[in-house]
Amino acid sequence: MKASPAERMKALRVSRETLDKLEHFAALFQKWAKSINLVAPSTLEDLWQRHIVDSLQIIRLSPSPKTWVDLGSGGGFPGVITAICLSEFSDGWVHLVESNNKKAAFLRVALNETGARGSVQPIRVEQAPSVIPRCEAISARALADLSQLLDYCAPWMLADGSKTVAFFHKGRDYQQEIDKAVSRFQFDLVKHASVVERDSVVLEIANLSRRTK
């Protein structure tokens, strides 16, 4: 049975206005997904739980308005969802980094039609620090292993005086990625259990530094 708007709003713990924007985004997503590959086709039927609710975890872990960089935004998860939630505050911003032109076009439409607080940077992840010199938080979902993600984040997180915090969705093999990453980096780590996938987590990383040999 399909959840009513009131039931969905209560379950997601969002305002009516934000729910309307999320539902509009979901409709746009389903339309565009018919012609371009935004997520794995096998997950489309469970769009709300697998992707939207999963993405909402990020803003709940760091709810105060801030400047975000969302790396490899793809179909908008979690970047567009974060940007939609920020519209409640009229503050904060999400830079969505996506080099695929078709996906970038979708992201622009999604941000524009939902009134979300974000913009699209149609560049490679490696180029992002030169275009976005500072940020307070970074997110990424299904982009790369943890070591590679920390390489991407290093220009922001290793800058003098940086207090940038990163949030990464990770699946059940996340501990192997952590073990590999700690051979090259030191960092403070908090593991947040996923509300969507059993054995999955959101890794919160702060105070990054490189290990010296």
N, C-alpha and C. Protein backbone atom coordinates (compact mmCIF):
# COMPACT_ATOMS: atom_id res chain seq x y z
N MET A 1 0.85 -1.20 0.00
CA MET A 1 0.00 0.00 0.00
C MET A 1 0.88 1.25 0.00
N LYS A 2 0.57 2.19 -0.85
CA LYS A 2 1.34 3.42 -0.95
C LYS A 2 1.05 4.32 0.24
N ALA A 3 2.11 4.88 0.83
CA ALA A 3 1.96 5.77 1.98
C ALA A 3 1.30 7.07 1.56
N SER A 4 0.43 7.60 2.43
CA SER A 4 -0.19 8.89 2.18
C SER A 4 0.83 9.99 2.41
N PRO A 5 0.58 11.20 1.88
CA PRO A 5 1.52 12.31 2.13
C PRO A 5 1.77 12.54 3.61
N ALA A 6 0.72 12.46 4.43
CA ALA A 6 0.88 12.68 5.88
C ALA A 6 1.75 11.60 6.50
N GLU A 7 1.53 10.35 6.10
CA GLU A 7 2.33 9.24 6.63
C GLU A 7 3.78 9.36 6.18
N ARG A 8 3.99 9.75 4.94
CA ARG A 8 5.36 9.89 4.43
C ARG A 8 6.08 11.05 5.13
N MET A 9 5.38 12.15 5.34
CA MET A 9 5.97 13.31 6.01
C MET A 9 6.39 12.93 7.44
N LYS A 10 5.56 12.19 8.14
CA LYS A 10 5.88 11.76 9.50
C LYS A 10 7.05 10.81 9.51
N ALA A 11 7.07 9.88 8.57
CA ALA A 11 8.15 8.89 8.52
C ALA A 11 9.49 9.54 8.19
N LEU A 12 9.46 10.54 7.30
CA LEU A 12 10.70 11.19 6.89
C LEU A 12 11.11 12.31 7.84
N ARG A 13 10.20 12.72 8.71
CA ARG A 13 10.47 13.80 9.65
C ARG A 13 10.88 15.09 8.93
N VAL A 14 10.08 15.45 7.95
CA VAL A 14 10.31 16.70 7.21
C VAL A 14 9.01 17.50 7.19
N SER A 15 9.13 18.78 6.85
CA SER A 15 7.97 19.65 6.76
C SER A 15 7.15 19.31 5.52
N ARG A 16 5.93 19.82 5.50
CA ARG A 16 5.07 19.61 4.34
C ARG A 16 5.70 20.22 3.09
N GLU A 17 6.29 21.40 3.22
CA GLU A 17 6.91 22.06 2.08
C GLU A 17 8.08 21.23 1.54
N THR A 18 8.91 20.72 2.45
CA THR A 18 10.04 19.90 2.01
C THR A 18 9.56 18.60 1.38
N LEU A 19 8.53 18.00 1.94
CA LEU A 19 7.98 16.78 1.35
C LEU A 19 7.49 17.04 -0.07
N ASP A 20 6.81 18.16 -0.28
CA ASP A 20 6.35 18.50 -1.63
C ASP A 20 7.53 18.57 -2.60
N LYS A 21 8.63 19.18 -2.15
CA LYS A 21 9.80 19.31 -3.01
C LYS A 21 10.44 17.95 -3.27
N LEU A 22 10.49 17.10 -2.25
CA LEU A 22 11.05 15.76 -2.43
C LEU A 22 10.19 14.94 -3.40
N GLU A 23 8.88 15.08 -3.30
CA GLU A 23 7.99 14.35 -4.20
C GLU A 23 8.12 14.87 -5.63
N HIS A 24 8.30 16.16 -5.78
CA HIS A 24 8.52 16.71 -7.12
C HIS A 24 9.84 16.19 -7.68
N PHE A 25 10.87 16.17 -6.85
CA PHE A 25 12.15 15.62 -7.28
C PHE A 25 12.00 14.16 -7.70
N ALA A 26 11.28 13.38 -6.92
CA ALA A 26 11.10 11.96 -7.23
C ALA A 26 10.41 11.78 -8.58
N ALA A 27 9.42 12.60 -8.86
CA ALA A 27 8.72 12.53 -10.14
C ALA A 27 9.65 12.88 -11.30
N LEU A 28 10.45 13.93 -11.10
CA LEU A 28 11.44 14.30 -12.12
C LEU A 28 12.44 13.17 -12.34
N PHE A 29 12.89 12.60 -11.25
CA PHE A 29 13.88 11.53 -11.32
C PHE A 29 13.34 10.36 -12.13
N GLN A 30 12.12 9.93 -11.84
CA GLN A 30 11.53 8.81 -12.56
C GLN A 30 11.40 9.11 -14.04
N LYS A 31 11.07 10.35 -14.37
CA LYS A 31 10.94 10.74 -15.77
C LYS A 31 12.28 10.69 -16.50
N TRP A 32 13.30 11.29 -15.90
CA TRP A 32 14.62 11.33 -16.53
C TRP A 32 15.29 9.96 -16.55
N ALA A 33 15.00 9.13 -15.56
CA ALA A 33 15.63 7.81 -15.48
C ALA A 33 15.20 6.90 -16.62
N LYS A 34 14.14 7.26 -17.32
CA LYS A 34 13.71 6.46 -18.47
C LYS A 34 14.65 6.61 -19.66
N SER A 35 15.40 7.72 -19.68
CA SER A 35 16.28 7.96 -20.83
C SER A 35 17.77 7.99 -20.48
N ILE A 36 18.11 8.25 -19.21
CA ILE A 36 19.52 8.19 -18.83
C ILE A 36 19.67 7.38 -17.56
N ASN A 37 20.82 6.77 -17.41
CA ASN A 37 21.07 5.88 -16.28
C ASN A 37 21.50 6.67 -15.06
N LEU A 38 20.54 7.01 -14.20
CA LEU A 38 20.82 7.81 -13.02
C LEU A 38 21.23 6.96 -11.82
N VAL A 39 20.62 5.80 -11.67
CA VAL A 39 20.99 4.83 -10.63
C VAL A 39 20.81 3.43 -11.22
N ALA A 40 21.24 2.42 -10.47
CA ALA A 40 21.04 1.04 -10.93
C ALA A 40 19.55 0.79 -11.15
N PRO A 41 19.16 0.30 -12.33
CA PRO A 41 17.74 0.08 -12.63
C PRO A 41 17.03 -0.78 -11.59
N SER A 42 17.75 -1.71 -10.98
CA SER A 42 17.13 -2.62 -10.01
C SER A 42 16.66 -1.90 -8.75
N THR A 43 17.13 -0.66 -8.53
CA THR A 43 16.76 0.07 -7.31
C THR A 43 15.68 1.11 -7.56
N LEU A 44 15.23 1.26 -8.79
CA LEU A 44 14.26 2.30 -9.11
C LEU A 44 12.91 2.10 -8.41
N GLU A 45 12.50 0.83 -8.27
CA GLU A 45 11.20 0.57 -7.67
C GLU A 45 11.16 0.97 -6.20
N ASP A 46 12.33 1.03 -5.57
CA ASP A 46 12.40 1.40 -4.16
C ASP A 46 13.12 2.74 -4.01
N LEU A 47 12.77 3.69 -4.88
CA LEU A 47 13.45 4.97 -4.93
C LEU A 47 13.46 5.69 -3.59
N TRP A 48 12.32 5.72 -2.92
CA TRP A 48 12.23 6.47 -1.68
C TRP A 48 13.14 5.91 -0.60
N GLN A 49 13.04 4.61 -0.34
CA GLN A 49 13.84 4.04 0.76
C GLN A 49 15.31 3.93 0.40
N ARG A 50 15.61 3.39 -0.77
CA ARG A 50 16.99 3.12 -1.16
C ARG A 50 17.80 4.37 -1.43
N HIS A 51 17.14 5.42 -1.87
CA HIS A 51 17.89 6.60 -2.29
C HIS A 51 17.52 7.88 -1.53
N ILE A 52 16.25 8.21 -1.42
CA ILE A 52 15.86 9.46 -0.78
C ILE A 52 16.04 9.38 0.73
N VAL A 53 15.47 8.36 1.37
CA VAL A 53 15.64 8.21 2.82
C VAL A 53 17.12 8.02 3.17
N ASP A 54 17.82 7.22 2.37
CA ASP A 54 19.25 7.01 2.59
C ASP A 54 20.00 8.34 2.56
N SER A 55 19.66 9.19 1.62
CA SER A 55 20.32 10.49 1.49
C SER A 55 19.97 11.44 2.62
N LEU A 56 18.76 11.35 3.14
CA LEU A 56 18.34 12.23 4.22
C LEU A 56 19.17 12.03 5.49
N GLN A 57 19.84 10.90 5.59
CA GLN A 57 20.68 10.66 6.77
C GLN A 57 21.76 11.72 6.91
N ILE A 58 22.26 12.23 5.79
CA ILE A 58 23.37 13.17 5.82
C ILE A 58 22.98 14.48 6.52
N ILE A 59 21.88 15.08 6.10
CA ILE A 59 21.46 16.35 6.68
C ILE A 59 21.05 16.17 8.14
N ARG A 60 20.61 14.99 8.51
CA ARG A 60 20.25 14.75 9.90
C ARG A 60 21.48 14.61 10.79
N LEU A 61 22.58 14.15 10.21
CA LEU A 61 23.82 14.05 10.98
C LEU A 61 24.50 15.40 11.12
N SER A 62 24.23 16.31 10.20
CA SER A 62 24.84 17.65 10.24
C SER A 62 23.80 18.67 9.80
N PRO A 63 22.83 18.96 10.67
CA PRO A 63 21.65 19.73 10.25
C PRO A 63 21.82 21.23 10.12
N SER A 64 22.84 21.84 10.73
CA SER A 64 22.95 23.29 10.64
C SER A 64 23.39 23.70 9.24
N PRO A 65 22.89 24.81 8.73
CA PRO A 65 23.24 25.24 7.36
C PRO A 65 24.74 25.46 7.21
N LYS A 66 25.29 24.98 6.11
CA LYS A 66 26.71 25.14 5.84
C LYS A 66 26.95 24.98 4.34
N THR A 67 28.17 25.24 3.92
CA THR A 67 28.54 25.05 2.53
C THR A 67 29.04 23.62 2.33
N TRP A 68 28.36 22.89 1.46
CA TRP A 68 28.67 21.50 1.16
C TRP A 68 29.30 21.36 -0.22
N VAL A 69 30.14 20.33 -0.35
CA VAL A 69 30.56 19.84 -1.67
C VAL A 69 30.11 18.39 -1.75
N ASP A 70 29.31 18.09 -2.76
CA ASP A 70 28.85 16.71 -2.99
C ASP A 70 29.59 16.16 -4.20
N LEU A 71 30.43 15.17 -3.96
CA LEU A 71 31.32 14.65 -5.00
C LEU A 71 30.64 13.54 -5.80
N GLY A 72 30.70 13.63 -7.12
CA GLY A 72 30.10 12.61 -7.97
C GLY A 72 28.61 12.51 -7.74
N SER A 73 27.91 13.61 -7.91
CA SER A 73 26.51 13.70 -7.50
C SER A 73 25.57 12.76 -8.25
N GLY A 74 25.92 12.39 -9.49
CA GLY A 74 25.12 11.41 -10.22
C GLY A 74 23.67 11.79 -10.34
N GLY A 75 22.79 10.96 -9.75
CA GLY A 75 21.35 11.22 -9.82
C GLY A 75 20.84 12.16 -8.74
N GLY A 76 21.77 12.75 -7.96
CA GLY A 76 21.36 13.73 -6.95
C GLY A 76 21.38 13.24 -5.53
N PHE A 77 22.01 12.07 -5.31
CA PHE A 77 22.03 11.50 -3.97
C PHE A 77 23.46 11.50 -3.41
N PRO A 78 23.68 12.12 -2.26
CA PRO A 78 22.69 12.84 -1.45
C PRO A 78 22.57 14.33 -1.74
N GLY A 79 23.34 14.86 -2.70
CA GLY A 79 23.46 16.31 -2.87
C GLY A 79 22.17 17.07 -3.05
N VAL A 80 21.31 16.63 -3.97
CA VAL A 80 20.05 17.36 -4.20
C VAL A 80 19.16 17.27 -2.96
N ILE A 81 19.14 16.12 -2.31
CA ILE A 81 18.31 15.95 -1.11
C ILE A 81 18.77 16.92 -0.02
N THR A 82 20.08 17.03 0.16
CA THR A 82 20.61 18.00 1.13
C THR A 82 20.21 19.42 0.74
N ALA A 83 20.34 19.75 -0.54
CA ALA A 83 20.02 21.09 -1.02
C ALA A 83 18.54 21.42 -0.84
N ILE A 84 17.68 20.43 -1.03
CA ILE A 84 16.24 20.64 -0.80
C ILE A 84 15.98 20.92 0.68
N CYS A 85 16.61 20.16 1.55
CA CYS A 85 16.42 20.37 2.99
C CYS A 85 16.94 21.73 3.44
N LEU A 86 18.01 22.21 2.83
CA LEU A 86 18.56 23.51 3.19
C LEU A 86 17.62 24.66 2.84
N SER A 87 16.71 24.42 1.91
CA SER A 87 15.78 25.49 1.53
C SER A 87 14.87 25.87 2.68
N GLU A 88 14.75 25.01 3.68
CA GLU A 88 13.97 25.35 4.88
C GLU A 88 14.65 26.45 5.68
N PHE A 89 15.98 26.52 5.59
CA PHE A 89 16.75 27.48 6.39
C PHE A 89 17.00 28.80 5.67
N SER A 90 16.86 28.81 4.34
CA SER A 90 17.25 29.97 3.53
C SER A 90 18.71 30.31 3.76
N ASP A 91 19.51 29.29 3.97
CA ASP A 91 20.94 29.46 4.20
C ASP A 91 21.63 28.16 3.84
N GLY A 92 22.97 28.23 3.70
CA GLY A 92 23.71 27.04 3.29
C GLY A 92 23.64 26.84 1.79
N TRP A 93 24.54 26.01 1.27
CA TRP A 93 24.61 25.78 -0.18
C TRP A 93 25.28 24.45 -0.44
N VAL A 94 24.88 23.79 -1.54
CA VAL A 94 25.50 22.54 -1.96
C VAL A 94 26.08 22.71 -3.36
N HIS A 95 27.38 22.49 -3.51
CA HIS A 95 28.02 22.43 -4.81
C HIS A 95 28.00 20.97 -5.27
N LEU A 96 27.25 20.68 -6.32
CA LEU A 96 27.16 19.31 -6.83
C LEU A 96 28.18 19.14 -7.95
N VAL A 97 29.14 18.26 -7.72
CA VAL A 97 30.21 18.03 -8.68
C VAL A 97 29.87 16.80 -9.52
N GLU A 98 29.63 17.01 -10.82
CA GLU A 98 29.23 15.91 -11.71
C GLU A 98 29.73 16.20 -13.11
N SER A 99 30.65 15.36 -13.61
CA SER A 99 31.27 15.61 -14.91
C SER A 99 30.46 15.07 -16.08
N ASN A 100 29.52 14.15 -15.83
CA ASN A 100 28.69 13.62 -16.89
C ASN A 100 27.66 14.67 -17.32
N ASN A 101 27.70 15.09 -18.57
CA ASN A 101 26.86 16.20 -19.02
C ASN A 101 25.37 15.93 -18.89
N LYS A 102 24.95 14.70 -19.20
CA LYS A 102 23.52 14.38 -19.11
C LYS A 102 23.04 14.40 -17.66
N LYS A 103 23.85 13.84 -16.77
CA LYS A 103 23.47 13.87 -15.35
C LYS A 103 23.51 15.29 -14.81
N ALA A 104 24.51 16.07 -15.24
CA ALA A 104 24.59 17.47 -14.81
C ALA A 104 23.35 18.25 -15.25
N ALA A 105 22.87 17.96 -16.47
CA ALA A 105 21.66 18.63 -16.96
C ALA A 105 20.45 18.29 -16.09
N PHE A 106 20.34 17.01 -15.73
CA PHE A 106 19.25 16.60 -14.84
C PHE A 106 19.35 17.32 -13.50
N LEU A 107 20.55 17.38 -12.95
CA LEU A 107 20.73 18.01 -11.64
C LEU A 107 20.32 19.48 -11.68
N ARG A 108 20.66 20.18 -12.76
CA ARG A 108 20.28 21.59 -12.89
C ARG A 108 18.76 21.75 -12.88
N VAL A 109 18.09 20.90 -13.64
CA VAL A 109 16.63 20.95 -13.69
C VAL A 109 16.04 20.65 -12.31
N ALA A 110 16.58 19.64 -11.64
CA ALA A 110 16.07 19.26 -10.32
C ALA A 110 16.23 20.39 -9.31
N LEU A 111 17.39 21.03 -9.30
CA LEU A 111 17.61 22.14 -8.38
C LEU A 111 16.69 23.31 -8.69
N ASN A 112 16.55 23.63 -9.95
CA ASN A 112 15.72 24.76 -10.37
C ASN A 112 14.25 24.55 -10.04
N GLU A 113 13.74 23.36 -10.34
CA GLU A 113 12.31 23.12 -10.17
C GLU A 113 11.90 22.91 -8.72
N THR A 114 12.84 22.53 -7.87
CA THR A 114 12.51 22.32 -6.45
C THR A 114 12.89 23.53 -5.59
N GLY A 115 13.57 24.50 -6.18
CA GLY A 115 14.00 25.65 -5.40
C GLY A 115 15.07 25.29 -4.38
N ALA A 116 15.82 24.25 -4.66
CA ALA A 116 16.85 23.78 -3.73
C ALA A 116 18.04 24.74 -3.71
N ARG A 117 18.77 24.73 -2.61
CA ARG A 117 19.90 25.62 -2.43
C ARG A 117 21.18 24.91 -2.90
N GLY A 118 21.41 24.96 -4.19
CA GLY A 118 22.59 24.30 -4.74
C GLY A 118 22.86 24.73 -6.16
N SER A 119 24.03 24.35 -6.65
CA SER A 119 24.42 24.62 -8.03
C SER A 119 25.28 23.46 -8.51
N VAL A 120 25.37 23.32 -9.83
CA VAL A 120 26.08 22.20 -10.43
C VAL A 120 27.43 22.67 -10.97
N GLN A 121 28.46 21.91 -10.65
CA GLN A 121 29.80 22.14 -11.19
C GLN A 121 30.10 20.98 -12.15
N PRO A 122 30.01 21.20 -13.47
CA PRO A 122 30.18 20.10 -14.43
C PRO A 122 31.67 19.83 -14.70
N ILE A 123 32.36 19.40 -13.67
CA ILE A 123 33.80 19.19 -13.74
C ILE A 123 34.16 17.85 -13.10
N ARG A 124 35.39 17.42 -13.33
CA ARG A 124 35.87 16.21 -12.67
C ARG A 124 36.12 16.50 -11.19
N VAL A 125 36.00 15.46 -10.40
CA VAL A 125 36.18 15.61 -8.96
C VAL A 125 37.54 16.21 -8.64
N GLU A 126 38.57 15.80 -9.36
CA GLU A 126 39.92 16.29 -9.09
C GLU A 126 40.06 17.80 -9.31
N GLN A 127 39.21 18.36 -10.14
CA GLN A 127 39.25 19.79 -10.43
C GLN A 127 38.50 20.64 -9.40
N ALA A 128 37.67 20.01 -8.61
CA ALA A 128 36.75 20.74 -7.75
C ALA A 128 37.43 21.70 -6.77
N PRO A 129 38.54 21.33 -6.11
CA PRO A 129 39.13 22.28 -5.15
C PRO A 129 39.58 23.60 -5.77
N SER A 130 39.95 23.59 -7.03
CA SER A 130 40.37 24.84 -7.67
C SER A 130 39.17 25.73 -8.01
N VAL A 131 38.00 25.14 -8.12
CA VAL A 131 36.79 25.89 -8.45
C VAL A 131 36.03 26.28 -7.17
N ILE A 132 36.08 25.39 -6.17
CA ILE A 132 35.40 25.61 -4.89
C ILE A 132 36.49 25.61 -3.81
N PRO A 133 37.08 26.73 -3.50
CA PRO A 133 38.25 26.74 -2.63
C PRO A 133 37.99 26.35 -1.19
N ARG A 134 36.77 26.59 -0.69
CA ARG A 134 36.49 26.28 0.71
C ARG A 134 35.11 25.65 0.85
N CYS A 135 35.01 24.77 1.83
CA CYS A 135 33.71 24.19 2.18
C CYS A 135 33.77 23.74 3.63
N GLU A 136 32.60 23.55 4.21
CA GLU A 136 32.52 23.10 5.61
C GLU A 136 32.20 21.63 5.72
N ALA A 137 31.62 21.05 4.68
CA ALA A 137 31.25 19.63 4.72
C ALA A 137 31.31 19.04 3.32
N ILE A 138 31.61 17.75 3.27
CA ILE A 138 31.73 17.02 2.00
C ILE A 138 30.89 15.76 2.10
N SER A 139 30.22 15.40 1.02
CA SER A 139 29.48 14.14 0.98
C SER A 139 29.80 13.40 -0.30
N ALA A 140 29.64 12.09 -0.26
CA ALA A 140 29.82 11.24 -1.44
C ALA A 140 29.12 9.92 -1.19
N ARG A 141 28.55 9.38 -2.25
CA ARG A 141 27.80 8.13 -2.15
C ARG A 141 28.10 7.30 -3.39
N ALA A 142 28.58 6.07 -3.17
CA ALA A 142 28.85 5.15 -4.27
C ALA A 142 29.80 5.74 -5.30
N LEU A 143 30.87 6.38 -4.83
CA LEU A 143 31.80 7.03 -5.75
C LEU A 143 33.14 6.30 -5.83
N ALA A 144 33.76 6.01 -4.68
CA ALA A 144 35.09 5.40 -4.67
C ALA A 144 35.34 4.81 -3.29
N ASP A 145 36.46 4.06 -3.17
CA ASP A 145 36.78 3.53 -1.84
C ASP A 145 37.28 4.66 -0.95
N LEU A 146 37.38 4.39 0.35
CA LEU A 146 37.65 5.44 1.31
C LEU A 146 38.99 6.13 1.07
N SER A 147 40.02 5.38 0.74
CA SER A 147 41.33 5.98 0.49
C SER A 147 41.26 6.99 -0.64
N GLN A 148 40.59 6.62 -1.73
CA GLN A 148 40.46 7.53 -2.86
C GLN A 148 39.63 8.75 -2.48
N LEU A 149 38.58 8.54 -1.72
CA LEU A 149 37.76 9.67 -1.28
C LEU A 149 38.57 10.65 -0.45
N LEU A 150 39.42 10.14 0.41
CA LEU A 150 40.23 11.03 1.24
C LEU A 150 41.26 11.78 0.40
N ASP A 151 41.76 11.15 -0.65
CA ASP A 151 42.63 11.87 -1.59
C ASP A 151 41.87 13.03 -2.23
N TYR A 152 40.63 12.77 -2.64
CA TYR A 152 39.81 13.82 -3.24
C TYR A 152 39.57 14.96 -2.24
N CYS A 153 39.35 14.61 -0.98
CA CYS A 153 38.99 15.60 0.04
C CYS A 153 40.19 16.34 0.62
N ALA A 154 41.38 15.80 0.42
CA ALA A 154 42.57 16.35 1.07
C ALA A 154 42.77 17.85 0.85
N PRO A 155 42.59 18.39 -0.36
CA PRO A 155 42.82 19.83 -0.54
C PRO A 155 41.98 20.71 0.39
N TRP A 156 40.78 20.27 0.71
CA TRP A 156 39.94 21.02 1.65
C TRP A 156 40.27 20.68 3.09
N MET A 157 40.40 19.39 3.39
CA MET A 157 40.51 18.96 4.78
C MET A 157 41.91 19.17 5.37
N LEU A 158 42.92 19.27 4.52
CA LEU A 158 44.28 19.47 4.99
C LEU A 158 44.71 20.94 4.97
N ALA A 159 43.83 21.81 4.51
CA ALA A 159 44.15 23.23 4.47
C ALA A 159 44.34 23.76 5.89
N ASP A 160 45.21 24.76 6.04
CA ASP A 160 45.48 25.34 7.36
C ASP A 160 44.19 25.82 8.02
N GLY A 161 43.97 25.37 9.23
CA GLY A 161 42.79 25.79 9.98
C GLY A 161 41.49 25.15 9.55
N SER A 162 41.55 24.18 8.66
CA SER A 162 40.32 23.57 8.15
C SER A 162 39.60 22.77 9.24
N LYS A 163 38.28 22.94 9.27
CA LYS A 163 37.43 22.14 10.14
C LYS A 163 36.40 21.38 9.31
N THR A 164 36.74 21.18 8.04
CA THR A 164 35.83 20.48 7.13
C THR A 164 35.61 19.04 7.60
N VAL A 165 34.35 18.62 7.55
CA VAL A 165 33.97 17.26 7.95
C VAL A 165 33.39 16.55 6.73
N ALA A 166 33.71 15.26 6.59
CA ALA A 166 33.23 14.48 5.45
C ALA A 166 32.26 13.40 5.91
N PHE A 167 31.26 13.13 5.07
CA PHE A 167 30.26 12.10 5.35
C PHE A 167 30.16 11.19 4.13
N PHE A 168 30.45 9.91 4.34
CA PHE A 168 30.46 8.96 3.23
C PHE A 168 29.55 7.77 3.53
N HIS A 169 28.64 7.48 2.61
CA HIS A 169 27.85 6.25 2.70
C HIS A 169 28.75 5.06 2.33
N LYS A 170 28.70 4.01 3.13
CA LYS A 170 29.50 2.83 2.85
C LYS A 170 28.70 1.56 3.14
N GLY A 171 28.97 0.51 2.32
CA GLY A 171 28.30 -0.78 2.47
C GLY A 171 28.97 -1.68 3.48
N ARG A 172 28.61 -2.93 3.44
CA ARG A 172 29.01 -3.87 4.50
C ARG A 172 30.51 -4.11 4.58
N ASP A 173 31.26 -3.82 3.52
CA ASP A 173 32.71 -4.02 3.54
C ASP A 173 33.47 -2.78 3.99
N TYR A 174 32.79 -1.90 4.67
CA TYR A 174 33.41 -0.62 5.02
C TYR A 174 34.66 -0.76 5.90
N GLN A 175 34.69 -1.79 6.76
CA GLN A 175 35.84 -1.93 7.65
C GLN A 175 37.12 -2.20 6.88
N GLN A 176 37.03 -2.95 5.79
CA GLN A 176 38.20 -3.19 4.96
C GLN A 176 38.72 -1.88 4.36
N GLU A 177 37.80 -1.01 3.97
CA GLU A 177 38.21 0.28 3.42
C GLU A 177 38.87 1.14 4.50
N ILE A 178 38.34 1.10 5.71
CA ILE A 178 38.95 1.86 6.80
C ILE A 178 40.36 1.35 7.08
N ASP A 179 40.52 0.03 7.15
CA ASP A 179 41.84 -0.55 7.42
C ASP A 179 42.86 -0.13 6.38
N LYS A 180 42.43 -0.06 5.14
CA LYS A 180 43.33 0.38 4.06
C LYS A 180 43.66 1.87 4.20
N ALA A 181 42.66 2.66 4.51
CA ALA A 181 42.85 4.11 4.57
C ALA A 181 43.77 4.52 5.71
N VAL A 182 43.71 3.82 6.84
CA VAL A 182 44.51 4.24 8.00
C VAL A 182 46.00 3.97 7.80
N SER A 183 46.35 3.25 6.75
CA SER A 183 47.77 3.07 6.46
C SER A 183 48.36 4.32 5.82
N ARG A 184 47.51 5.21 5.33
CA ARG A 184 47.97 6.43 4.67
C ARG A 184 47.52 7.70 5.38
N PHE A 185 46.41 7.63 6.13
CA PHE A 185 45.85 8.82 6.76
C PHE A 185 45.57 8.58 8.24
N GLN A 186 45.55 9.68 8.98
CA GLN A 186 45.02 9.69 10.33
C GLN A 186 43.77 10.56 10.33
N PHE A 187 42.76 10.18 11.11
CA PHE A 187 41.52 10.94 11.14
C PHE A 187 40.67 10.50 12.31
N ASP A 188 39.79 11.40 12.73
CA ASP A 188 38.77 11.06 13.71
C ASP A 188 37.59 10.45 12.96
N LEU A 189 37.06 9.37 13.51
CA LEU A 189 36.02 8.63 12.79
C LEU A 189 34.84 8.32 13.70
N VAL A 190 33.65 8.58 13.18
CA VAL A 190 32.42 8.14 13.83
C VAL A 190 31.65 7.29 12.82
N LYS A 191 31.24 6.11 13.25
CA LYS A 191 30.45 5.22 12.39
C LYS A 191 28.98 5.35 12.78
N HIS A 192 28.17 5.81 11.85
CA HIS A 192 26.73 5.93 12.08
C HIS A 192 26.02 4.78 11.37
N ALA A 193 25.31 3.96 12.11
CA ALA A 193 24.58 2.85 11.51
C ALA A 193 23.53 3.37 10.54
N SER A 194 23.45 2.77 9.38
CA SER A 194 22.47 3.18 8.38
C SER A 194 21.05 2.85 8.84
N VAL A 195 20.12 3.75 8.56
CA VAL A 195 18.72 3.50 8.88
C VAL A 195 18.03 2.75 7.74
N VAL A 196 18.76 2.52 6.67
CA VAL A 196 18.17 1.91 5.47
C VAL A 196 18.69 0.51 5.21
N GLU A 197 20.02 0.35 5.27
CA GLU A 197 20.64 -0.92 4.93
C GLU A 197 21.33 -1.53 6.14
N ARG A 198 20.96 -2.75 6.46
CA ARG A 198 21.63 -3.46 7.55
C ARG A 198 23.10 -3.67 7.19
N ASP A 199 23.97 -3.48 8.15
CA ASP A 199 25.43 -3.64 7.98
C ASP A 199 26.07 -2.50 7.21
N SER A 200 25.30 -1.51 6.79
CA SER A 200 25.86 -0.35 6.12
C SER A 200 25.99 0.81 7.12
N VAL A 201 26.79 1.80 6.76
CA VAL A 201 27.05 2.90 7.67
C VAL A 201 27.19 4.21 6.90
N VAL A 202 27.16 5.29 7.64
CA VAL A 202 27.65 6.58 7.16
C VAL A 202 28.88 6.89 7.99
N LEU A 203 30.02 7.05 7.34
CA LEU A 203 31.26 7.38 8.04
C LEU A 203 31.41 8.88 8.13
N GLU A 204 31.60 9.37 9.34
CA GLU A 204 31.85 10.80 9.57
C GLU A 204 33.33 10.97 9.90
N ILE A 205 34.02 11.75 9.09
CA ILE A 205 35.48 11.87 9.21
C ILE A 205 35.87 13.34 9.40
N ALA A 206 36.74 13.56 10.39
CA ALA A 206 37.22 14.92 10.68
C ALA A 206 38.69 14.86 11.05
N ASN A 207 39.33 16.03 11.11
CA ASN A 207 40.73 16.16 11.54
C ASN A 207 41.66 15.24 10.73
N LEU A 208 41.55 15.35 9.43
CA LEU A 208 42.35 14.51 8.53
C LEU A 208 43.80 14.98 8.48
N SER A 209 44.71 14.01 8.46
CA SER A 209 46.13 14.31 8.23
C SER A 209 46.77 13.11 7.54
N ARG A 210 47.86 13.37 6.83
CA ARG A 210 48.58 12.27 6.17
C ARG A 210 49.60 11.67 7.12
N ARG A 211 49.74 10.38 7.05
CA ARG A 211 50.78 9.73 7.83
C ARG A 211 52.14 10.01 7.18
N THR A 212 53.12 10.24 7.99
CA THR A 212 54.47 10.45 7.49
C THR A 212 55.26 9.16 7.64
N LYS A 213 56.02 8.81 6.63
CA LYS A 213 56.78 7.56 6.68
C LYS A 213 58.09 7.76 7.43
